C-alpha atoms as a PDB file:
ATOM      1  CA  MET A   1      59.605 -30.647  11.429  1.00  0.00           C
ATOM      2  CA  ALA A   2      61.215 -27.334  10.456  1.00  0.00           C
ATOM      3  CA  SER A   3      62.485 -25.089  13.282  1.00  0.00           C
ATOM      4  CA  ILE A   4      61.375 -21.486  13.698  1.00  0.00           C
ATOM      5  CA  THR A   5      64.171 -18.982  14.182  1.00  0.00           C
ATOM      6  CA  PRO A   6      63.234 -15.981  16.337  1.00  0.00           C
ATOM      7  CA  ILE A   7      63.530 -12.557  14.731  1.00  0.00           C
ATOM      8  CA  SER A   8      66.312 -10.503  16.225  1.00  0.00           C
ATOM      9  CA  ARG A   9      65.431  -7.028  17.405  1.00  0.00           C
ATOM     10  CA  ALA A  10      68.349  -5.707  15.409  1.00  0.00           C
ATOM     11  CA  GLN A  11      66.939  -7.100  12.223  1.00  0.00           C
ATOM     12  CA  PRO A  12      64.273  -5.229  10.264  1.00  0.00           C
ATOM     13  CA  LEU A  13      61.060  -7.065   9.709  1.00  0.00           C
ATOM     14  CA  TYR A  14      61.356  -6.739   5.912  1.00  0.00           C
ATOM     15  CA  LYS A  15      64.578  -7.012   3.897  1.00  0.00           C
ATOM     16  CA  LYS A  16      65.235  -4.868   0.867  1.00  0.00           C
ATOM     17  CA  PRO A  17      65.212  -6.869  -2.349  1.00  0.00           C
ATOM     18  CA  GLN A  18      68.681  -7.898  -3.536  1.00  0.00           C
ATOM     19  CA  LEU A  19      69.118  -6.869  -7.147  1.00  0.00           C
ATOM     20  CA  GLY A  20      71.390  -8.643  -9.612  1.00  0.00           C
ATOM     21  CA  VAL A  21      71.297 -11.950  -7.858  1.00  0.00           C
ATOM     22  CA  SER A  22      69.655 -14.741  -9.890  1.00  0.00           C
ATOM     23  CA  LYS A  23      68.913 -18.217  -8.904  1.00  0.00           C
ATOM     24  CA  LYS A  24      70.644 -21.034 -10.655  1.00  0.00           C
ATOM     25  CA  PRO A  25      68.271 -22.256 -13.347  1.00  0.00           C
ATOM     26  CA  GLN A  26      66.971 -25.700 -12.928  1.00  0.00           C
ATOM     27  CA  VAL A  27      67.880 -28.241 -15.524  1.00  0.00           C
ATOM     28  CA  GLN A  28      64.890 -29.711 -17.232  1.00  0.00           C
ATOM     29  CA  PHE A  29      64.839 -32.950 -19.162  1.00  0.00           C
ATOM     30  CA  LEU A  30      62.557 -33.517 -22.125  1.00  0.00           C
ATOM     31  CA  SER A  31      61.080 -36.935 -22.334  1.00  0.00           C
ATOM     32  CA  MET A  32      61.324 -38.635 -25.750  1.00  0.00           C
ATOM     33  CA  PRO A  33      59.730 -41.879 -26.796  1.00  0.00           C
ATOM     34  CA  THR A  34      62.186 -44.771 -26.854  1.00  0.00           C
ATOM     35  CA  SER A  35      60.941 -45.650 -30.342  1.00  0.00           C
ATOM     36  CA  SER A  36      62.647 -42.540 -31.789  1.00  0.00           C
ATOM     37  CA  PHE A  37      65.986 -43.681 -30.391  1.00  0.00           C
ATOM     38  CA  SER A  38      65.458 -47.090 -31.930  1.00  0.00           C
ATOM     39  CA  ALA A  39      64.684 -45.521 -35.313  1.00  0.00           C
ATOM     40  CA  LYS A  40      67.787 -43.343 -35.147  1.00  0.00           C
ATOM     41  CA  LYS A  41      69.910 -46.304 -34.171  1.00  0.00           C
ATOM     42  CA  SER A  42      68.528 -48.293 -37.095  1.00  0.00           C
ATOM     43  CA  ARG A  43      69.309 -45.478 -39.532  1.00  0.00           C
ATOM     44  CA  MET A  44      72.845 -45.198 -38.190  1.00  0.00           C
ATOM     45  CA  VAL A  45      73.364 -48.924 -38.704  1.00  0.00           C
ATOM     46  CA  VAL A  46      72.110 -48.739 -42.303  1.00  0.00           C
ATOM     47  CA  ILE A  47      74.314 -45.729 -43.099  1.00  0.00           C
ATOM     48  CA  ALA A  48      77.350 -47.406 -41.539  1.00  0.00           C
ATOM     49  CA  ALA A  49      76.705 -50.591 -43.516  1.00  0.00           C
ATOM     50  CA  THR A  50      76.323 -48.643 -46.790  1.00  0.00           C
ATOM     51  CA  THR A  51      79.541 -46.708 -46.157  1.00  0.00           C
ATOM     52  CA  ALA A  52      81.414 -49.924 -45.419  1.00  0.00           C
ATOM     53  CA  ALA A  53      80.088 -51.499 -48.606  1.00  0.00           C
ATOM     54  CA  GLU A  54      81.181 -48.479 -50.673  1.00  0.00           C
ATOM     55  CA  LYS A  55      84.649 -48.587 -49.137  1.00  0.00           C
ATOM     56  CA  GLY A  56      84.901 -52.292 -49.840  1.00  0.00           C
ATOM     57  CA  LYS A  57      83.887 -51.929 -53.510  1.00  0.00           C
ATOM     58  CA  LYS A  58      86.804 -52.210 -55.904  1.00  0.00           C
ATOM     59  CA  ARG A  59      87.351 -49.035 -57.911  1.00  0.00           C
ATOM     60  CA  TYR A  60      88.829 -49.333 -61.400  1.00  0.00           C
ATOM     61  CA  PRO A  61      91.238 -46.711 -62.791  1.00  0.00           C
ATOM     62  CA  GLY A  62      89.188 -44.139 -64.692  1.00  0.00           C
ATOM     63  CA  GLU A  63      85.840 -45.639 -63.611  1.00  0.00           C
ATOM     64  CA  ALA A  64      84.569 -42.392 -62.097  1.00  0.00           C
ATOM     65  CA  LYS A  65      84.809 -40.643 -65.493  1.00  0.00           C
ATOM     66  CA  GLY A  66      83.047 -43.360 -67.466  1.00  0.00           C
ATOM     67  CA  PHE A  67      84.005 -46.633 -69.087  1.00  0.00           C
ATOM     68  CA  VAL A  68      85.888 -45.061 -72.001  1.00  0.00           C
ATOM     69  CA  GLU A  69      88.348 -43.644 -69.489  1.00  0.00           C
ATOM     70  CA  GLU A  70      88.918 -47.192 -68.231  1.00  0.00           C
ATOM     71  CA  MET A  71      89.600 -48.255 -71.833  1.00  0.00           C
ATOM     72  CA  ARG A  72      92.004 -45.368 -72.340  1.00  0.00           C
ATOM     73  CA  PHE A  73      93.868 -46.183 -69.133  1.00  0.00           C
ATOM     74  CA  VAL A  74      94.414 -49.813 -70.155  1.00  0.00           C
ATOM     75  CA  ALA A  75      95.475 -48.801 -73.668  1.00  0.00           C
ATOM     76  CA  MET A  76      97.990 -46.225 -72.450  1.00  0.00           C
ATOM     77  CA  LYS A  77      99.688 -48.800 -70.225  1.00  0.00           C
ATOM     78  CA  LEU A  78     100.357 -50.872 -73.356  1.00  0.00           C
ATOM     79  CA  HIS A  79     102.309 -48.020 -74.948  1.00  0.00           C
ATOM     80  CA  THR A  80     106.059 -47.865 -74.591  1.00  0.00           C
ATOM     81  CA  LYS A  81     107.613 -45.458 -72.138  1.00  0.00           C
ATOM     82  CA  ASP A  82     108.790 -43.163 -74.930  1.00  0.00           C
ATOM     83  CA  GLN A  83     105.301 -43.048 -76.491  1.00  0.00           C
ATOM     84  CA  ALA A  84     103.351 -42.017 -73.410  1.00  0.00           C
ATOM     85  CA  LYS A  85     104.076 -41.100 -69.811  1.00  0.00           C
ATOM     86  CA  GLU A  86     101.647 -43.826 -68.667  1.00  0.00           C
ATOM     87  CA  GLY A  87     103.375 -46.403 -70.887  1.00  0.00           C
ATOM     88  CA  GLU A  88     104.775 -49.505 -69.210  1.00  0.00           C
ATOM     89  CA  LYS A  89     106.257 -51.384 -72.184  1.00  0.00           C
ATOM     90  CA  GLU A  90     109.932 -51.226 -73.033  1.00  0.00           C
ATOM     91  CA  PRO A  91     110.680 -49.766 -76.492  1.00  0.00           C
ATOM     92  CA  GLN A  92     111.269 -52.326 -79.217  1.00  0.00           C
ATOM     93  CA  GLY A  93     113.034 -51.343 -82.396  1.00  0.00           C
ATOM     94  CA  GLN A  94     113.786 -47.827 -83.541  1.00  0.00           C
ATOM     95  CA  PRO A  95     111.606 -44.844 -82.644  1.00  0.00           C
ATOM     96  CA  VAL A  96     109.428 -43.456 -85.446  1.00  0.00           C
ATOM     97  CA  ALA A  97     111.777 -40.515 -85.980  1.00  0.00           C
ATOM     98  CA  ARG A  98     114.475 -42.962 -87.132  1.00  0.00           C
ATOM     99  CA  TRP A  99     112.278 -45.050 -89.397  1.00  0.00           C
ATOM    100  CA  GLU A 100     113.303 -45.481 -93.007  1.00  0.00           C
ATOM    101  CA  PRO A 101     109.961 -46.230 -94.692  1.00  0.00           C
ATOM    102  CA  THR A 102     109.475 -47.095 -98.353  1.00  0.00           C
ATOM    103  CA  VAL A 103     106.588 -46.254-100.644  1.00  0.00           C
ATOM    104  CA  GLU A 104     106.025 -49.962-101.265  1.00  0.00           C
ATOM    105  CA  GLY A 105     105.870 -50.728 -97.552  1.00  0.00           C
ATOM    106  CA  TYR A 106     103.637 -47.745 -96.875  1.00  0.00           C
ATOM    107  CA  LEU A 107     101.247 -48.891 -99.605  1.00  0.00           C
ATOM    108  CA  ARG A 108     101.017 -52.320 -97.992  1.00  0.00           C
ATOM    109  CA  PHE A 109     100.178 -50.623 -94.705  1.00  0.00           C
ATOM    110  CA  LEU A 110      97.463 -48.479 -96.335  1.00  0.00           C
ATOM    111  CA  VAL A 111      95.918 -51.420 -98.194  1.00  0.00           C
ATOM    112  CA  ASP A 112      95.735 -53.609 -95.074  1.00  0.00           C
ATOM    113  CA  SER A 113      94.420 -50.691 -93.015  1.00  0.00           C
ATOM    114  CA  LYS A 114      91.667 -50.129 -95.570  1.00  0.00           C
ATOM    115  CA  LEU A 115      90.606 -53.762 -95.341  1.00  0.00           C
ATOM    116  CA  VAL A 116      90.236 -53.454 -91.554  1.00  0.00           C
ATOM    117  CA  TYR A 117      88.303 -50.167 -91.765  1.00  0.00           C
ATOM    118  CA  ASP A 118      86.073 -51.567 -94.519  1.00  0.00           C
ATOM    119  CA  THR A 119      85.269 -54.479 -92.215  1.00  0.00           C
ATOM    120  CA  LEU A 120      84.580 -52.334 -89.150  1.00  0.00           C
ATOM    121  CA  GLU A 121      82.332 -49.971 -91.075  1.00  0.00           C
ATOM    122  CA  ARG A 122      80.422 -52.793 -92.737  1.00  0.00           C
ATOM    123  CA  ILE A 123      79.825 -54.403 -89.332  1.00  0.00           C
ATOM    124  CA  VAL A 124      78.310 -51.276 -87.771  1.00  0.00           C
ATOM    125  CA  ASP A 125      76.215 -50.640 -90.888  1.00  0.00           C
ATOM    126  CA  LYS A 126      74.814 -54.176 -90.738  1.00  0.00           C
ATOM    127  CA  ALA A 127      74.333 -53.859 -86.945  1.00  0.00           C
ATOM    128  CA  ALA A 128      73.906 -57.509 -85.999  1.00  0.00           C
ATOM    129  CA  PHE A 129      73.537 -56.182 -82.440  1.00  0.00           C
ATOM    130  CA  PRO A 130      71.485 -53.018 -81.733  1.00  0.00           C
ATOM    131  CA  GLU A 131      74.380 -51.243 -80.002  1.00  0.00           C
ATOM    132  CA  TYR A 132      76.449 -51.338 -83.204  1.00  0.00           C
ATOM    133  CA  ALA A 133      73.981 -48.986 -84.879  1.00  0.00           C
ATOM    134  CA  GLU A 134      75.087 -46.264 -82.442  1.00  0.00           C
ATOM    135  CA  PHE A 135      78.381 -46.056 -84.336  1.00  0.00           C
ATOM    136  CA  LYS A 136      77.120 -45.453 -87.861  1.00  0.00           C
ATOM    137  CA  ASN A 137      78.266 -42.240 -89.525  1.00  0.00           C
ATOM    138  CA  THR A 138      80.321 -40.971 -86.584  1.00  0.00           C
ATOM    139  CA  GLY A 139      82.585 -38.896 -88.810  1.00  0.00           C
ATOM    140  CA  LEU A 140      85.578 -41.053 -87.870  1.00  0.00           C
ATOM    141  CA  GLU A 141      85.165 -43.405 -90.862  1.00  0.00           C
ATOM    142  CA  ARG A 142      88.388 -43.918 -92.829  1.00  0.00           C
ATOM    143  CA  SER A 143      87.499 -46.177 -95.778  1.00  0.00           C
ATOM    144  CA  GLU A 144      86.526 -43.425 -98.175  1.00  0.00           C
ATOM    145  CA  GLY A 145      89.647 -41.382 -97.466  1.00  0.00           C
ATOM    146  CA  LEU A 146      91.875 -44.426 -97.918  1.00  0.00           C
ATOM    147  CA  ALA A 147      90.213 -45.223-101.257  1.00  0.00           C
ATOM    148  CA  LYS A 148      91.085 -41.716-102.466  1.00  0.00           C
ATOM    149  CA  ASP A 149      94.670 -42.061-101.267  1.00  0.00           C
ATOM    150  CA  LEU A 150      95.199 -45.376-103.040  1.00  0.00           C
ATOM    151  CA  GLU A 151      93.765 -43.878-106.209  1.00  0.00           C
ATOM    152  CA  TRP A 152      96.240 -41.004-105.906  1.00  0.00           C
ATOM    153  CA  PHE A 153      99.172 -43.429-105.562  1.00  0.00           C
ATOM    154  CA  LYS A 154      97.926 -45.291-108.626  1.00  0.00           C
ATOM    155  CA  GLU A 155      97.874 -42.046-110.596  1.00  0.00           C
ATOM    156  CA  GLN A 156     101.502 -41.504-109.563  1.00  0.00           C
ATOM    157  CA  GLY A 157     102.390 -44.789-111.278  1.00  0.00           C
ATOM    158  CA  HIS A 158     102.571 -47.032-108.212  1.00  0.00           C
ATOM    159  CA  ALA A 159     101.174 -50.576-108.245  1.00  0.00           C
ATOM    160  CA  ILE A 160      98.572 -51.154-105.543  1.00  0.00           C
ATOM    161  CA  PRO A 161      99.223 -54.507-103.783  1.00  0.00           C
ATOM    162  CA  GLU A 162      96.641 -56.986-102.597  1.00  0.00           C
ATOM    163  CA  PRO A 163      95.915 -57.195 -98.852  1.00  0.00           C
ATOM    164  CA  SER A 164      98.484 -59.248 -96.922  1.00  0.00           C
ATOM    165  CA  SER A 165      98.274 -61.562 -93.926  1.00  0.00           C
ATOM    166  CA  PRO A 166      98.298 -58.923 -91.142  1.00  0.00           C
ATOM    167  CA  GLY A 167      95.264 -57.115 -92.562  1.00  0.00           C
ATOM    168  CA  ILE A 168      93.427 -60.271 -93.605  1.00  0.00           C
ATOM    169  CA  ASN A 169      93.906 -61.900 -90.195  1.00  0.00           C
ATOM    170  CA  TYR A 170      92.710 -58.840 -88.285  1.00  0.00           C
ATOM    171  CA  ALA A 171      89.679 -58.296 -90.512  1.00  0.00           C
ATOM    172  CA  GLN A 172      88.637 -61.934 -90.124  1.00  0.00           C
ATOM    173  CA  TYR A 173      89.108 -61.784 -86.377  1.00  0.00           C
ATOM    174  CA  VAL A 174      86.916 -58.702 -85.818  1.00  0.00           C
ATOM    175  CA  GLU A 175      84.300 -60.068 -88.232  1.00  0.00           C
ATOM    176  CA  GLU A 176      83.967 -63.290 -86.219  1.00  0.00           C
ATOM    177  CA  LEU A 177      84.092 -61.418 -82.917  1.00  0.00           C
ATOM    178  CA  SER A 178      81.325 -59.023 -83.940  1.00  0.00           C
ATOM    179  CA  GLU A 179      78.884 -61.888 -84.489  1.00  0.00           C
ATOM    180  CA  LYS A 180      79.033 -63.166 -80.907  1.00  0.00           C
ATOM    181  CA  ASP A 181      80.799 -60.729 -78.575  1.00  0.00           C
ATOM    182  CA  PRO A 182      79.819 -57.015 -78.658  1.00  0.00           C
ATOM    183  CA  PRO A 183      82.010 -55.900 -75.697  1.00  0.00           C
ATOM    184  CA  ALA A 184      85.139 -57.445 -77.250  1.00  0.00           C
ATOM    185  CA  PHE A 185      84.302 -56.105 -80.722  1.00  0.00           C
ATOM    186  CA  LEU A 186      83.769 -52.570 -79.429  1.00  0.00           C
ATOM    187  CA  CYS A 187      87.176 -52.724 -77.759  1.00  0.00           C
ATOM    188  CA  HIS A 188      88.737 -53.146 -81.216  1.00  0.00           C
ATOM    189  CA  PHE A 189      86.457 -50.474 -82.662  1.00  0.00           C
ATOM    190  CA  TYR A 190      87.542 -47.982 -80.009  1.00  0.00           C
ATOM    191  CA  ASN A 191      91.261 -48.713 -80.183  1.00  0.00           C
ATOM    192  CA  THR A 192      91.426 -48.727 -83.987  1.00  0.00           C
ATOM    193  CA  TYR A 193      89.768 -45.344 -84.483  1.00  0.00           C
ATOM    194  CA  PHE A 194      91.143 -43.554 -81.451  1.00  0.00           C
ATOM    195  CA  ALA A 195      94.713 -44.775 -81.930  1.00  0.00           C
ATOM    196  CA  HIS A 196      94.665 -43.547 -85.525  1.00  0.00           C
ATOM    197  CA  SER A 197      93.438 -40.114 -84.416  1.00  0.00           C
ATOM    198  CA  ALA A 198      96.392 -39.779 -82.033  1.00  0.00           C
ATOM    199  CA  GLY A 199      99.608 -41.736 -82.618  1.00  0.00           C
ATOM    200  CA  GLY A 200      98.517 -42.678 -86.131  1.00  0.00           C
ATOM    201  CA  ARG A 201      98.454 -39.054 -87.227  1.00  0.00           C
ATOM    202  CA  MET A 202     101.933 -38.471 -85.852  1.00  0.00           C
ATOM    203  CA  ILE A 203     103.287 -41.515 -87.712  1.00  0.00           C
ATOM    204  CA  GLY A 204     101.560 -40.433 -90.915  1.00  0.00           C
ATOM    205  CA  LYS A 205     103.171 -37.007 -90.704  1.00  0.00           C
ATOM    206  CA  LYS A 206     106.653 -38.442 -90.149  1.00  0.00           C
ATOM    207  CA  VAL A 207     106.291 -40.899 -93.030  1.00  0.00           C
ATOM    208  CA  ALA A 208     104.967 -38.186 -95.363  1.00  0.00           C
ATOM    209  CA  GLU A 209     107.961 -35.993 -94.562  1.00  0.00           C
ATOM    210  CA  LYS A 210     110.354 -38.799 -95.527  1.00  0.00           C
ATOM    211  CA  ILE A 211     108.795 -40.246 -98.674  1.00  0.00           C
ATOM    212  CA  LEU A 212     105.919 -38.003 -99.869  1.00  0.00           C
ATOM    213  CA  ASN A 213     107.427 -34.517 -99.678  1.00  0.00           C
ATOM    214  CA  GLY A 214     105.133 -33.752 -96.765  1.00  0.00           C
ATOM    215  CA  LYS A 215     101.878 -34.511 -98.615  1.00  0.00           C
ATOM    216  CA  GLU A 216      98.954 -34.977 -96.220  1.00  0.00           C
ATOM    217  CA  LEU A 217      96.834 -37.964 -97.189  1.00  0.00           C
ATOM    218  CA  GLU A 218      93.053 -38.106 -96.880  1.00  0.00           C
ATOM    219  CA  PHE A 219      93.570 -40.884 -94.340  1.00  0.00           C
ATOM    220  CA  TYR A 220      94.617 -38.177 -91.880  1.00  0.00           C
ATOM    221  CA  LYS A 221      91.857 -35.660 -92.580  1.00  0.00           C
ATOM    222  CA  TRP A 222      88.439 -35.380 -90.943  1.00  0.00           C
ATOM    223  CA  GLU A 223      85.415 -33.263 -91.755  1.00  0.00           C
ATOM    224  CA  GLY A 224      84.506 -31.172 -88.751  1.00  0.00           C
ATOM    225  CA  GLU A 225      86.289 -30.746 -85.442  1.00  0.00           C
ATOM    226  CA  LEU A 226      88.085 -34.002 -84.648  1.00  0.00           C
ATOM    227  CA  SER A 227      87.978 -33.450 -80.888  1.00  0.00           C
ATOM    228  CA  GLN A 228      84.180 -33.158 -81.008  1.00  0.00           C
ATOM    229  CA  LEU A 229      83.815 -36.235 -83.225  1.00  0.00           C
ATOM    230  CA  LEU A 230      85.877 -38.212 -80.730  1.00  0.00           C
ATOM    231  CA  GLN A 231      83.858 -36.902 -77.800  1.00  0.00           C
ATOM    232  CA  ASN A 232      80.609 -37.902 -79.487  1.00  0.00           C
ATOM    233  CA  VAL A 233      81.881 -41.472 -79.845  1.00  0.00           C
ATOM    234  CA  ARG A 234      83.117 -41.498 -76.240  1.00  0.00           C
ATOM    235  CA  ASP A 235      79.629 -40.523 -75.090  1.00  0.00           C
ATOM    236  CA  LYS A 236      78.058 -43.285 -77.182  1.00  0.00           C
ATOM    237  CA  LEU A 237      80.485 -45.899 -75.865  1.00  0.00           C
ATOM    238  CA  ASN A 238      79.836 -44.815 -72.281  1.00  0.00           C
ATOM    239  CA  ARG A 239      76.082 -45.103 -72.791  1.00  0.00           C
ATOM    240  CA  VAL A 240      76.386 -48.574 -74.321  1.00  0.00           C
ATOM    241  CA  ALA A 241      78.689 -49.759 -71.520  1.00  0.00           C
ATOM    242  CA  GLU A 242      76.190 -48.643 -68.861  1.00  0.00           C
ATOM    243  CA  ASN A 243      74.175 -51.739 -69.775  1.00  0.00           C
ATOM    244  CA  TRP A 244      77.149 -54.089 -69.313  1.00  0.00           C
ATOM    245  CA  SER A 245      77.912 -56.058 -66.182  1.00  0.00           C
ATOM    246  CA  ARG A 246      81.291 -55.621 -64.517  1.00  0.00           C
ATOM    247  CA  GLU A 247      82.314 -58.966 -66.007  1.00  0.00           C
ATOM    248  CA  GLU A 248      81.473 -57.756 -69.525  1.00  0.00           C
ATOM    249  CA  LYS A 249      83.430 -54.559 -68.958  1.00  0.00           C
ATOM    250  CA  ASP A 250      86.449 -56.507 -67.760  1.00  0.00           C
ATOM    251  CA  HIS A 251      86.148 -58.801 -70.776  1.00  0.00           C
ATOM    252  CA  CYS A 252      86.192 -55.755 -73.054  1.00  0.00           C
ATOM    253  CA  LEU A 253      89.301 -54.375 -71.353  1.00  0.00           C
ATOM    254  CA  GLU A 254      91.077 -57.720 -71.625  1.00  0.00           C
ATOM    255  CA  GLU A 255      90.715 -57.567 -75.415  1.00  0.00           C
ATOM    256  CA  THR A 256      92.904 -54.436 -75.597  1.00  0.00           C
ATOM    257  CA  GLU A 257      96.171 -56.345 -75.825  1.00  0.00           C
ATOM    258  CA  LYS A 258      94.934 -58.339 -78.825  1.00  0.00           C
ATOM    259  CA  SER A 259      93.945 -55.092 -80.522  1.00  0.00           C
ATOM    260  CA  PHE A 260      97.470 -53.746 -80.054  1.00  0.00           C
ATOM    261  CA  LYS A 261      98.984 -56.974 -81.338  1.00  0.00           C
ATOM    262  CA  PHE A 262      96.974 -56.984 -84.579  1.00  0.00           C
ATOM    263  CA  SER A 263      97.378 -53.272 -85.268  1.00  0.00           C
ATOM    264  CA  GLY A 264     101.114 -53.454 -84.520  1.00  0.00           C
ATOM    265  CA  GLU A 265     101.583 -56.137 -87.153  1.00  0.00           C
ATOM    266  CA  ILE A 266      99.875 -53.926 -89.731  1.00  0.00           C
ATOM    267  CA  LEU A 267     101.927 -50.892 -88.724  1.00  0.00           C
ATOM    268  CA  ARG A 268     105.196 -52.785 -89.184  1.00  0.00           C
ATOM    269  CA  LEU A 269     104.340 -53.137 -92.885  1.00  0.00           C
ATOM    270  CA  VAL A 270     105.485 -49.528 -93.275  1.00  0.00           C
ATOM    271  CA  LEU A 271     109.048 -50.764 -92.849  1.00  0.00           C
ATOM    272  CA  SER A 272     108.671 -53.853 -95.045  1.00  0.00           C
END
């Protein structure tokens, strides 16, 4: 029982209110259903699991920009160190600047190149697989320009040779590949056209300076803006590759080295 304290005579019966003094607020707790905590906990577990899965997923060089960037990355590694900063191969033979080409050797190179381009362009026109039709009339086609160049050489009195083993072997290989293996075939398609638009142009210019008085062949000319033509084909390749599994993409990338091998054999005809 509470005690009663007697009021002192010295104390007034009523105290004046004390201003500026506030009571300490009481802390209140809101009740929440336990089910909401369970739901939050579940969401946190799902998010954590997704994040862990994303971290564990293997990322391929260039993958974030699209599959063509993966193809470019693999191709650049196969260049020599003096050809590209990403190159990993040691230089073999003399650099292009020191080449001593001949008209006869250059003609063999052009003839074999035309056979390969004829084959590639016939394959996409026939379109044994639907995705090949995407690459008809891209503006990168080279057969017509090469036909004009060979006719020009003929008019200059040069004999036009028959295709030789490097060109014949490569044309047969891509023909057979195209009938059963679209990812591998499109690897060769990409590397053949894109390599010619880059390093191929530089080689053509150097050769022309040495044996053709600087004449620019039709082989190295395109109608329209080349950079846009290339970008259009990149976009098409990226769209096609979206339907490939990771295994099919890897298979395509693995074909890059064979593409370099075949094209390198044709290029060496310039010095034959």
